[in-house]
Amino acid sequence: MTPEKGSAGLSELFDAHVAAEFVAKDADATMATMTADPTVIHVPVLTGGRGRDELHAFYRDHFIPSWPDDVELVPLSRTVDEHRVVDEFIVRFNHSREMPYWLPGVAPTGRTVEVPHVVIMGFEDGKVAYEHIYWDQASLLVQVGLLDPARFPVVGGATARALVDESVPMNEIITATR
């Protein structure tokens, strides 16, 4: 797929890439949206890959087959220029599978998880060249029961809910320490 010139084409390519990962769950289709030498970096845990072979193996063996069946991506905002798309969204799912790219060595907890994400996707010659993916790892660890929010200044799923629900209270972490 080669997008039209301009930001609308990049937005469509972003969506096609994500659909290949999360809807089709197809590593080959995902790689077809990418350049000959792509890079994906999950910044909080340094998983992903550099280069076509390493990244294809990552998608095929770790990323795509590990997403729970009920994964949901909730879009929040998108910014597009002539070279990149910046997407903000919430990922929701039940932690029903091992997820080595996110939670290496952590058995499924059965807990519901919702984590805000920011993806910066860069393009070259009508293909995805790189993805830099950011999320709050502490929030994820709280939600799966590996980090105690009573011991550290962190919160769990409220981070995602606050982005879509104005009734979620703010500053509780400040008042809880007084």
N, C-alpha and C. Protein backbone atom coordinates (compact mmCIF):
# COMPACT_ATOMS: atom_id res chain seq x y z
N MET A 1 0.84 -1.18 0.00
CA MET A 1 0.00 0.00 0.00
C MET A 1 0.88 1.23 0.00
N THR A 2 0.68 2.12 -0.92
CA THR A 2 1.39 3.39 -0.95
C THR A 2 0.36 4.48 -0.77
N PRO A 3 0.47 5.27 0.30
CA PRO A 3 -0.54 6.30 0.54
C PRO A 3 -0.40 7.45 -0.44
N GLU A 4 -1.47 8.19 -0.58
CA GLU A 4 -1.45 9.42 -1.34
C GLU A 4 -0.45 10.37 -0.68
N LYS A 5 0.06 11.30 -1.45
CA LYS A 5 0.93 12.32 -0.88
C LYS A 5 0.13 13.14 0.12
N GLY A 6 0.81 13.61 1.16
CA GLY A 6 0.15 14.48 2.12
C GLY A 6 -0.25 13.75 3.39
N SER A 7 -0.73 14.54 4.32
CA SER A 7 -1.01 14.01 5.66
C SER A 7 -2.16 13.02 5.68
N ALA A 8 -3.17 13.18 4.83
CA ALA A 8 -4.28 12.23 4.83
C ALA A 8 -3.79 10.83 4.47
N GLY A 9 -2.86 10.74 3.53
CA GLY A 9 -2.31 9.45 3.14
C GLY A 9 -1.52 8.80 4.26
N LEU A 10 -0.79 9.60 5.03
CA LEU A 10 -0.04 9.06 6.15
C LEU A 10 -0.97 8.56 7.24
N SER A 11 -2.05 9.27 7.46
CA SER A 11 -3.04 8.85 8.45
C SER A 11 -3.65 7.50 8.03
N GLU A 12 -3.95 7.36 6.74
CA GLU A 12 -4.50 6.09 6.25
C GLU A 12 -3.49 4.96 6.40
N LEU A 13 -2.22 5.24 6.14
CA LEU A 13 -1.19 4.21 6.28
C LEU A 13 -1.02 3.81 7.74
N PHE A 14 -1.07 4.80 8.65
CA PHE A 14 -1.02 4.50 10.08
C PHE A 14 -2.14 3.52 10.43
N ASP A 15 -3.36 3.83 9.98
CA ASP A 15 -4.51 2.96 10.28
C ASP A 15 -4.36 1.58 9.67
N ALA A 16 -3.82 1.50 8.46
CA ALA A 16 -3.62 0.19 7.82
C ALA A 16 -2.58 -0.64 8.58
N HIS A 17 -1.53 0.02 9.05
CA HIS A 17 -0.50 -0.67 9.83
C HIS A 17 -1.08 -1.22 11.13
N VAL A 18 -1.84 -0.41 11.84
CA VAL A 18 -2.44 -0.83 13.11
C VAL A 18 -3.47 -1.93 12.87
N ALA A 19 -4.24 -1.83 11.79
CA ALA A 19 -5.22 -2.88 11.47
C ALA A 19 -4.53 -4.20 11.17
N ALA A 20 -3.38 -4.16 10.52
CA ALA A 20 -2.64 -5.39 10.25
C ALA A 20 -2.18 -6.05 11.55
N GLU A 21 -1.81 -5.22 12.53
CA GLU A 21 -1.37 -5.74 13.82
C GLU A 21 -2.52 -6.28 14.66
N PHE A 22 -3.59 -5.48 14.81
CA PHE A 22 -4.62 -5.76 15.80
C PHE A 22 -5.89 -6.39 15.25
N VAL A 23 -6.19 -6.21 13.98
CA VAL A 23 -7.39 -6.80 13.39
C VAL A 23 -7.03 -8.06 12.61
N ALA A 24 -6.17 -7.90 11.61
CA ALA A 24 -5.75 -9.06 10.82
C ALA A 24 -4.79 -9.96 11.61
N LYS A 25 -4.07 -9.38 12.56
CA LYS A 25 -3.08 -10.11 13.37
C LYS A 25 -2.12 -10.88 12.46
N ASP A 26 -1.55 -10.13 11.52
CA ASP A 26 -0.75 -10.72 10.46
C ASP A 26 0.60 -10.01 10.38
N ALA A 27 1.67 -10.69 10.76
CA ALA A 27 3.01 -10.09 10.75
C ALA A 27 3.44 -9.71 9.33
N ASP A 28 3.12 -10.54 8.35
CA ASP A 28 3.50 -10.23 6.97
C ASP A 28 2.79 -8.98 6.47
N ALA A 29 1.50 -8.87 6.75
CA ALA A 29 0.75 -7.68 6.34
C ALA A 29 1.26 -6.44 7.07
N THR A 30 1.63 -6.60 8.34
CA THR A 30 2.20 -5.47 9.09
C THR A 30 3.50 -5.02 8.43
N MET A 31 4.37 -5.96 8.13
CA MET A 31 5.66 -5.62 7.53
C MET A 31 5.49 -5.02 6.13
N ALA A 32 4.43 -5.37 5.42
CA ALA A 32 4.19 -4.83 4.09
C ALA A 32 3.94 -3.32 4.13
N THR A 33 3.58 -2.79 5.28
CA THR A 33 3.36 -1.35 5.41
C THR A 33 4.66 -0.60 5.73
N MET A 34 5.77 -1.34 5.89
CA MET A 34 6.99 -0.74 6.42
C MET A 34 8.12 -0.70 5.39
N THR A 35 9.09 0.18 5.64
CA THR A 35 10.26 0.32 4.79
C THR A 35 11.13 -0.94 4.86
N ALA A 36 12.19 -0.96 4.08
CA ALA A 36 13.11 -2.09 4.06
C ALA A 36 13.93 -2.18 5.36
N ASP A 37 14.05 -1.08 6.11
CA ASP A 37 14.87 -1.08 7.32
C ASP A 37 14.14 -0.35 8.46
N PRO A 38 12.99 -0.87 8.91
CA PRO A 38 12.19 -0.18 9.91
C PRO A 38 12.70 -0.40 11.34
N THR A 39 12.23 0.45 12.22
CA THR A 39 12.54 0.34 13.65
C THR A 39 11.27 0.56 14.45
N VAL A 40 11.06 -0.27 15.46
CA VAL A 40 9.98 -0.08 16.44
C VAL A 40 10.62 -0.16 17.82
N ILE A 41 10.38 0.88 18.63
CA ILE A 41 10.90 0.90 19.99
C ILE A 41 9.76 1.14 20.96
N HIS A 42 9.49 0.16 21.82
CA HIS A 42 8.58 0.34 22.95
C HIS A 42 9.46 0.95 24.05
N VAL A 43 9.39 2.24 24.19
CA VAL A 43 10.34 2.99 24.99
C VAL A 43 10.41 2.54 26.46
N PRO A 44 9.30 2.29 27.15
CA PRO A 44 9.41 1.94 28.57
C PRO A 44 10.16 0.64 28.86
N VAL A 45 10.16 -0.31 27.92
CA VAL A 45 10.75 -1.62 28.19
C VAL A 45 11.80 -2.05 27.16
N LEU A 46 12.04 -1.21 26.16
CA LEU A 46 13.00 -1.50 25.09
C LEU A 46 12.76 -2.83 24.41
N THR A 47 11.51 -3.06 24.02
CA THR A 47 11.20 -4.19 23.15
C THR A 47 10.87 -3.63 21.78
N GLY A 48 10.83 -4.47 20.79
CA GLY A 48 10.57 -4.05 19.42
C GLY A 48 11.58 -4.67 18.50
N GLY A 49 12.14 -3.88 17.60
CA GLY A 49 13.15 -4.41 16.71
C GLY A 49 13.71 -3.36 15.79
N ARG A 50 14.92 -3.64 15.30
CA ARG A 50 15.59 -2.80 14.31
C ARG A 50 15.91 -3.68 13.11
N GLY A 51 15.50 -3.24 11.97
CA GLY A 51 15.74 -4.01 10.75
C GLY A 51 14.59 -4.95 10.46
N ARG A 52 14.45 -5.28 9.20
CA ARG A 52 13.30 -6.05 8.74
C ARG A 52 13.20 -7.43 9.39
N ASP A 53 14.29 -8.16 9.45
CA ASP A 53 14.25 -9.53 9.97
C ASP A 53 13.93 -9.54 11.47
N GLU A 54 14.63 -8.71 12.23
CA GLU A 54 14.41 -8.67 13.68
C GLU A 54 12.98 -8.22 14.00
N LEU A 55 12.52 -7.21 13.28
CA LEU A 55 11.17 -6.69 13.55
C LEU A 55 10.09 -7.68 13.12
N HIS A 56 10.28 -8.34 12.00
CA HIS A 56 9.30 -9.34 11.56
C HIS A 56 9.18 -10.45 12.60
N ALA A 57 10.32 -10.93 13.09
CA ALA A 57 10.30 -11.98 14.12
C ALA A 57 9.62 -11.48 15.39
N PHE A 58 9.87 -10.23 15.77
CA PHE A 58 9.21 -9.65 16.94
C PHE A 58 7.70 -9.65 16.76
N TYR A 59 7.22 -9.13 15.64
CA TYR A 59 5.77 -9.10 15.39
C TYR A 59 5.19 -10.51 15.37
N ARG A 60 5.82 -11.41 14.65
CA ARG A 60 5.31 -12.77 14.46
C ARG A 60 5.32 -13.59 15.75
N ASP A 61 6.42 -13.50 16.51
CA ASP A 61 6.61 -14.41 17.64
C ASP A 61 6.20 -13.85 18.99
N HIS A 62 6.20 -12.53 19.14
CA HIS A 62 5.97 -11.94 20.46
C HIS A 62 4.77 -11.00 20.50
N PHE A 63 4.72 -10.05 19.59
CA PHE A 63 3.73 -8.98 19.69
C PHE A 63 2.33 -9.41 19.27
N ILE A 64 2.18 -9.80 18.03
CA ILE A 64 0.84 -10.08 17.50
C ILE A 64 0.16 -11.26 18.20
N PRO A 65 0.81 -12.40 18.41
CA PRO A 65 0.08 -13.52 19.02
C PRO A 65 -0.20 -13.35 20.51
N SER A 66 0.40 -12.35 21.13
CA SER A 66 0.26 -12.20 22.58
C SER A 66 -0.86 -11.27 23.01
N TRP A 67 -1.43 -10.52 22.09
CA TRP A 67 -2.52 -9.62 22.49
C TRP A 67 -3.75 -10.43 22.86
N PRO A 68 -4.37 -10.13 23.99
CA PRO A 68 -5.62 -10.82 24.35
C PRO A 68 -6.70 -10.58 23.29
N ASP A 69 -7.64 -11.51 23.20
CA ASP A 69 -8.69 -11.41 22.18
C ASP A 69 -9.56 -10.17 22.35
N ASP A 70 -9.67 -9.65 23.57
CA ASP A 70 -10.57 -8.52 23.81
C ASP A 70 -9.88 -7.17 23.74
N VAL A 71 -8.68 -7.09 23.16
CA VAL A 71 -7.96 -5.81 23.10
C VAL A 71 -8.79 -4.78 22.33
N GLU A 72 -8.79 -3.58 22.87
CA GLU A 72 -9.54 -2.47 22.28
C GLU A 72 -8.65 -1.24 22.27
N LEU A 73 -8.60 -0.54 21.13
CA LEU A 73 -7.88 0.71 21.01
C LEU A 73 -8.90 1.84 20.94
N VAL A 74 -8.81 2.76 21.88
CA VAL A 74 -9.74 3.87 21.95
C VAL A 74 -9.00 5.14 21.54
N PRO A 75 -9.30 5.69 20.37
CA PRO A 75 -8.57 6.88 19.91
C PRO A 75 -8.92 8.11 20.73
N LEU A 76 -7.90 8.93 20.99
CA LEU A 76 -8.09 10.19 21.71
C LEU A 76 -7.74 11.39 20.84
N SER A 77 -6.58 11.36 20.19
CA SER A 77 -6.19 12.48 19.33
C SER A 77 -5.18 12.00 18.30
N ARG A 78 -5.07 12.77 17.24
CA ARG A 78 -4.09 12.47 16.19
C ARG A 78 -3.58 13.79 15.64
N THR A 79 -2.27 13.86 15.48
CA THR A 79 -1.63 15.00 14.84
C THR A 79 -0.82 14.46 13.67
N VAL A 80 -0.98 15.08 12.52
CA VAL A 80 -0.34 14.59 11.31
C VAL A 80 0.39 15.75 10.64
N ASP A 81 1.65 15.51 10.25
CA ASP A 81 2.33 16.45 9.38
C ASP A 81 2.82 15.69 8.15
N GLU A 82 3.71 16.25 7.40
CA GLU A 82 4.11 15.60 6.14
C GLU A 82 5.03 14.41 6.31
N HIS A 83 5.57 14.19 7.54
CA HIS A 83 6.52 13.09 7.74
C HIS A 83 6.14 12.12 8.85
N ARG A 84 5.15 12.48 9.68
CA ARG A 84 4.84 11.60 10.81
C ARG A 84 3.41 11.79 11.26
N VAL A 85 2.97 10.76 12.00
CA VAL A 85 1.67 10.79 12.67
C VAL A 85 1.94 10.57 14.16
N VAL A 86 1.33 11.40 14.99
CA VAL A 86 1.39 11.22 16.44
C VAL A 86 -0.02 10.88 16.89
N ASP A 87 -0.16 9.70 17.45
CA ASP A 87 -1.47 9.20 17.85
C ASP A 87 -1.49 9.02 19.36
N GLU A 88 -2.58 9.45 19.97
CA GLU A 88 -2.82 9.25 21.41
C GLU A 88 -4.06 8.37 21.52
N PHE A 89 -3.95 7.28 22.27
CA PHE A 89 -5.08 6.37 22.41
C PHE A 89 -4.95 5.60 23.71
N ILE A 90 -6.03 4.93 24.07
CA ILE A 90 -6.04 4.05 25.24
C ILE A 90 -6.12 2.62 24.74
N VAL A 91 -5.30 1.76 25.32
CA VAL A 91 -5.37 0.32 25.06
C VAL A 91 -6.07 -0.32 26.25
N ARG A 92 -7.14 -1.07 25.99
CA ARG A 92 -7.89 -1.79 27.04
C ARG A 92 -7.91 -3.27 26.71
N PHE A 93 -7.79 -4.09 27.76
CA PHE A 93 -7.86 -5.54 27.58
C PHE A 93 -7.89 -6.21 28.94
N ASN A 94 -8.20 -7.50 28.92
CA ASN A 94 -8.08 -8.34 30.10
C ASN A 94 -6.74 -9.07 29.97
N HIS A 95 -5.93 -9.00 31.00
CA HIS A 95 -4.60 -9.62 30.96
C HIS A 95 -4.74 -11.14 31.07
N SER A 96 -5.11 -11.76 29.95
CA SER A 96 -5.41 -13.19 29.91
C SER A 96 -4.31 -14.01 29.25
N ARG A 97 -3.26 -13.36 28.78
CA ARG A 97 -2.15 -14.06 28.12
C ARG A 97 -0.83 -13.47 28.60
N GLU A 98 0.22 -14.27 28.47
CA GLU A 98 1.55 -13.71 28.68
C GLU A 98 1.81 -12.69 27.59
N MET A 99 2.44 -11.60 27.97
CA MET A 99 2.71 -10.50 27.04
C MET A 99 4.19 -10.13 27.14
N PRO A 100 5.07 -10.92 26.49
CA PRO A 100 6.51 -10.75 26.69
C PRO A 100 7.07 -9.41 26.24
N TYR A 101 6.39 -8.71 25.35
CA TYR A 101 6.87 -7.41 24.87
C TYR A 101 6.53 -6.29 25.84
N TRP A 102 5.58 -6.51 26.74
CA TRP A 102 5.10 -5.49 27.69
C TRP A 102 5.44 -5.86 29.11
N LEU A 103 5.19 -7.12 29.45
CA LEU A 103 5.34 -7.63 30.81
C LEU A 103 6.16 -8.92 30.78
N PRO A 104 7.44 -8.82 30.40
CA PRO A 104 8.24 -10.05 30.28
C PRO A 104 8.30 -10.82 31.59
N GLY A 105 8.05 -12.13 31.51
CA GLY A 105 8.12 -12.99 32.68
C GLY A 105 6.93 -12.91 33.61
N VAL A 106 5.88 -12.19 33.23
CA VAL A 106 4.71 -12.03 34.09
C VAL A 106 3.58 -12.91 33.57
N ALA A 107 3.14 -13.85 34.39
CA ALA A 107 2.02 -14.72 34.02
C ALA A 107 0.73 -13.90 33.94
N PRO A 108 -0.24 -14.35 33.15
CA PRO A 108 -1.51 -13.63 33.07
C PRO A 108 -2.14 -13.47 34.45
N THR A 109 -2.67 -12.30 34.72
CA THR A 109 -3.26 -12.00 36.03
C THR A 109 -4.79 -12.02 35.99
N GLY A 110 -5.38 -11.99 34.79
CA GLY A 110 -6.83 -11.92 34.67
C GLY A 110 -7.39 -10.54 34.96
N ARG A 111 -6.54 -9.58 35.23
CA ARG A 111 -7.01 -8.23 35.57
C ARG A 111 -7.29 -7.41 34.31
N THR A 112 -8.22 -6.48 34.45
CA THR A 112 -8.52 -5.54 33.39
C THR A 112 -7.47 -4.43 33.40
N VAL A 113 -7.01 -4.08 32.23
CA VAL A 113 -5.97 -3.08 32.07
C VAL A 113 -6.44 -2.03 31.07
N GLU A 114 -6.14 -0.77 31.37
CA GLU A 114 -6.34 0.31 30.41
C GLU A 114 -5.20 1.30 30.58
N VAL A 115 -4.46 1.50 29.49
CA VAL A 115 -3.23 2.29 29.55
C VAL A 115 -3.20 3.29 28.39
N PRO A 116 -3.02 4.58 28.71
CA PRO A 116 -2.84 5.57 27.64
C PRO A 116 -1.51 5.35 26.92
N HIS A 117 -1.51 5.60 25.63
CA HIS A 117 -0.32 5.44 24.78
C HIS A 117 -0.15 6.68 23.90
N VAL A 118 1.08 6.92 23.53
CA VAL A 118 1.40 7.87 22.47
C VAL A 118 2.33 7.14 21.51
N VAL A 119 1.97 7.16 20.23
CA VAL A 119 2.80 6.55 19.19
C VAL A 119 3.23 7.66 18.24
N ILE A 120 4.52 7.71 18.00
CA ILE A 120 5.06 8.60 16.98
C ILE A 120 5.53 7.70 15.85
N MET A 121 4.85 7.81 14.71
CA MET A 121 5.15 6.97 13.56
C MET A 121 5.71 7.85 12.46
N GLY A 122 6.93 7.53 12.02
CA GLY A 122 7.57 8.28 10.94
C GLY A 122 7.53 7.51 9.64
N PHE A 123 7.56 8.23 8.53
CA PHE A 123 7.39 7.63 7.21
C PHE A 123 8.51 8.05 6.26
N GLU A 124 8.84 7.14 5.35
CA GLU A 124 9.76 7.41 4.26
C GLU A 124 9.22 6.74 3.01
N ASP A 125 9.13 7.48 1.94
CA ASP A 125 8.71 6.93 0.65
C ASP A 125 7.41 6.13 0.73
N GLY A 126 6.44 6.66 1.48
CA GLY A 126 5.13 6.03 1.54
C GLY A 126 5.05 4.78 2.38
N LYS A 127 6.03 4.57 3.26
CA LYS A 127 6.04 3.40 4.14
C LYS A 127 6.39 3.83 5.56
N VAL A 128 6.04 2.99 6.53
CA VAL A 128 6.39 3.25 7.92
C VAL A 128 7.88 2.99 8.10
N ALA A 129 8.61 4.01 8.58
CA ALA A 129 10.05 3.88 8.81
C ALA A 129 10.35 3.57 10.27
N TYR A 130 9.55 4.17 11.16
CA TYR A 130 9.79 3.93 12.58
C TYR A 130 8.53 4.18 13.39
N GLU A 131 8.51 3.54 14.56
CA GLU A 131 7.51 3.80 15.58
C GLU A 131 8.23 3.95 16.91
N HIS A 132 7.94 5.01 17.62
CA HIS A 132 8.37 5.19 19.00
C HIS A 132 7.09 5.18 19.83
N ILE A 133 6.97 4.21 20.73
CA ILE A 133 5.71 3.98 21.45
C ILE A 133 5.96 4.19 22.93
N TYR A 134 5.15 5.07 23.52
CA TYR A 134 5.30 5.46 24.92
C TYR A 134 4.03 5.11 25.70
N TRP A 135 4.20 4.64 26.93
CA TRP A 135 3.11 4.46 27.88
C TRP A 135 3.70 4.54 29.27
N ASP A 136 2.83 4.62 30.25
CA ASP A 136 3.24 4.70 31.65
C ASP A 136 3.36 3.28 32.20
N GLN A 137 4.58 2.78 32.28
CA GLN A 137 4.80 1.40 32.74
C GLN A 137 4.36 1.24 34.20
N ALA A 138 4.53 2.26 35.02
CA ALA A 138 4.11 2.15 36.42
C ALA A 138 2.61 1.94 36.52
N SER A 139 1.83 2.64 35.71
CA SER A 139 0.38 2.45 35.70
C SER A 139 0.02 1.03 35.31
N LEU A 140 0.72 0.49 34.31
CA LEU A 140 0.49 -0.89 33.89
C LEU A 140 0.81 -1.86 35.03
N LEU A 141 1.94 -1.65 35.69
CA LEU A 141 2.35 -2.54 36.78
C LEU A 141 1.38 -2.48 37.96
N VAL A 142 0.83 -1.31 38.24
CA VAL A 142 -0.19 -1.20 39.29
C VAL A 142 -1.41 -2.04 38.91
N GLN A 143 -1.83 -1.94 37.67
CA GLN A 143 -3.06 -2.62 37.23
C GLN A 143 -2.94 -4.14 37.23
N VAL A 144 -1.75 -4.66 37.03
CA VAL A 144 -1.59 -6.12 37.05
C VAL A 144 -1.12 -6.61 38.42
N GLY A 145 -1.05 -5.71 39.39
CA GLY A 145 -0.75 -6.10 40.76
C GLY A 145 0.72 -6.25 41.10
N LEU A 146 1.61 -5.70 40.31
CA LEU A 146 3.04 -5.83 40.56
C LEU A 146 3.66 -4.62 41.26
N LEU A 147 2.91 -3.54 41.36
CA LEU A 147 3.42 -2.34 42.00
C LEU A 147 2.32 -1.79 42.90
N ASP A 148 2.67 -1.54 44.14
CA ASP A 148 1.70 -1.09 45.14
C ASP A 148 1.62 0.43 45.14
N PRO A 149 0.47 1.00 44.71
CA PRO A 149 0.35 2.44 44.68
C PRO A 149 0.36 3.09 46.06
N ALA A 150 0.19 2.29 47.11
CA ALA A 150 0.27 2.83 48.47
C ALA A 150 1.72 3.12 48.86
N ARG A 151 2.66 2.47 48.18
CA ARG A 151 4.09 2.63 48.51
C ARG A 151 4.81 3.64 47.64
N PHE A 152 4.22 3.96 46.47
CA PHE A 152 4.89 4.84 45.51
C PHE A 152 3.90 5.87 44.97
N PRO A 153 4.38 7.00 44.52
CA PRO A 153 3.49 8.00 43.94
C PRO A 153 3.10 7.64 42.50
N VAL A 154 2.27 6.60 42.36
CA VAL A 154 1.79 6.13 41.06
C VAL A 154 0.30 5.82 41.17
N VAL A 155 -0.36 5.78 40.04
CA VAL A 155 -1.77 5.39 39.99
C VAL A 155 -1.93 4.32 38.91
N GLY A 156 -3.10 3.75 38.83
CA GLY A 156 -3.34 2.68 37.86
C GLY A 156 -4.22 3.14 36.71
N GLY A 157 -5.35 2.46 36.54
CA GLY A 157 -6.24 2.69 35.42
C GLY A 157 -6.88 4.07 35.40
N ALA A 158 -6.83 4.78 36.50
CA ALA A 158 -7.39 6.14 36.52
C ALA A 158 -6.71 7.04 35.50
N THR A 159 -5.46 6.73 35.16
CA THR A 159 -4.77 7.55 34.16
C THR A 159 -5.50 7.54 32.83
N ALA A 160 -5.97 6.38 32.43
CA ALA A 160 -6.71 6.27 31.16
C ALA A 160 -8.11 6.86 31.30
N ARG A 161 -8.78 6.52 32.38
CA ARG A 161 -10.15 7.01 32.57
C ARG A 161 -10.22 8.53 32.64
N ALA A 162 -9.21 9.17 33.23
CA ALA A 162 -9.22 10.62 33.34
C ALA A 162 -9.17 11.32 31.98
N LEU A 163 -8.66 10.64 30.99
CA LEU A 163 -8.59 11.22 29.65
C LEU A 163 -9.94 11.24 28.94
N VAL A 164 -10.88 10.40 29.38
CA VAL A 164 -12.17 10.31 28.71
C VAL A 164 -13.36 10.60 29.62
N ASP A 165 -13.11 10.75 30.91
CA ASP A 165 -14.19 10.93 31.89
C ASP A 165 -13.82 12.07 32.84
N GLU A 166 -14.49 13.19 32.68
CA GLU A 166 -14.19 14.38 33.49
C GLU A 166 -14.54 14.20 34.96
N SER A 167 -15.27 13.16 35.32
CA SER A 167 -15.62 12.96 36.73
C SER A 167 -14.48 12.29 37.52
N VAL A 168 -13.45 11.80 36.82
CA VAL A 168 -12.31 11.20 37.53
C VAL A 168 -11.58 12.32 38.27
N PRO A 169 -11.46 12.20 39.58
CA PRO A 169 -10.84 13.28 40.36
C PRO A 169 -9.35 13.42 40.07
N MET A 170 -8.91 14.65 40.12
CA MET A 170 -7.49 14.96 39.92
C MET A 170 -6.85 15.26 41.28
N ASN A 171 -5.55 15.12 41.34
CA ASN A 171 -4.73 15.52 42.50
C ASN A 171 -4.92 14.66 43.74
N GLU A 172 -5.59 13.52 43.63
CA GLU A 172 -5.73 12.65 44.79
C GLU A 172 -4.38 12.14 45.30
N ILE A 173 -3.43 11.99 44.41
CA ILE A 173 -2.11 11.52 44.81
C ILE A 173 -1.43 12.56 45.71
N ILE A 174 -1.75 13.83 45.52
CA ILE A 174 -1.18 14.89 46.36
C ILE A 174 -1.84 14.89 47.73
N THR A 175 -3.17 14.86 47.72
CA THR A 175 -3.89 14.93 49.00
C THR A 175 -3.70 13.67 49.84
N ALA A 176 -3.42 12.54 49.19
CA ALA A 176 -3.24 11.28 49.93
C ALA A 176 -1.95 11.29 50.74
N THR A 177 -1.01 12.13 50.38
CA THR A 177 0.28 12.16 51.08
C THR A 177 0.32 13.20 52.20
N ARG A 178 -0.77 13.93 52.40
CA ARG A 178 -0.77 14.97 53.44
C ARG A 178 -1.40 14.48 54.70
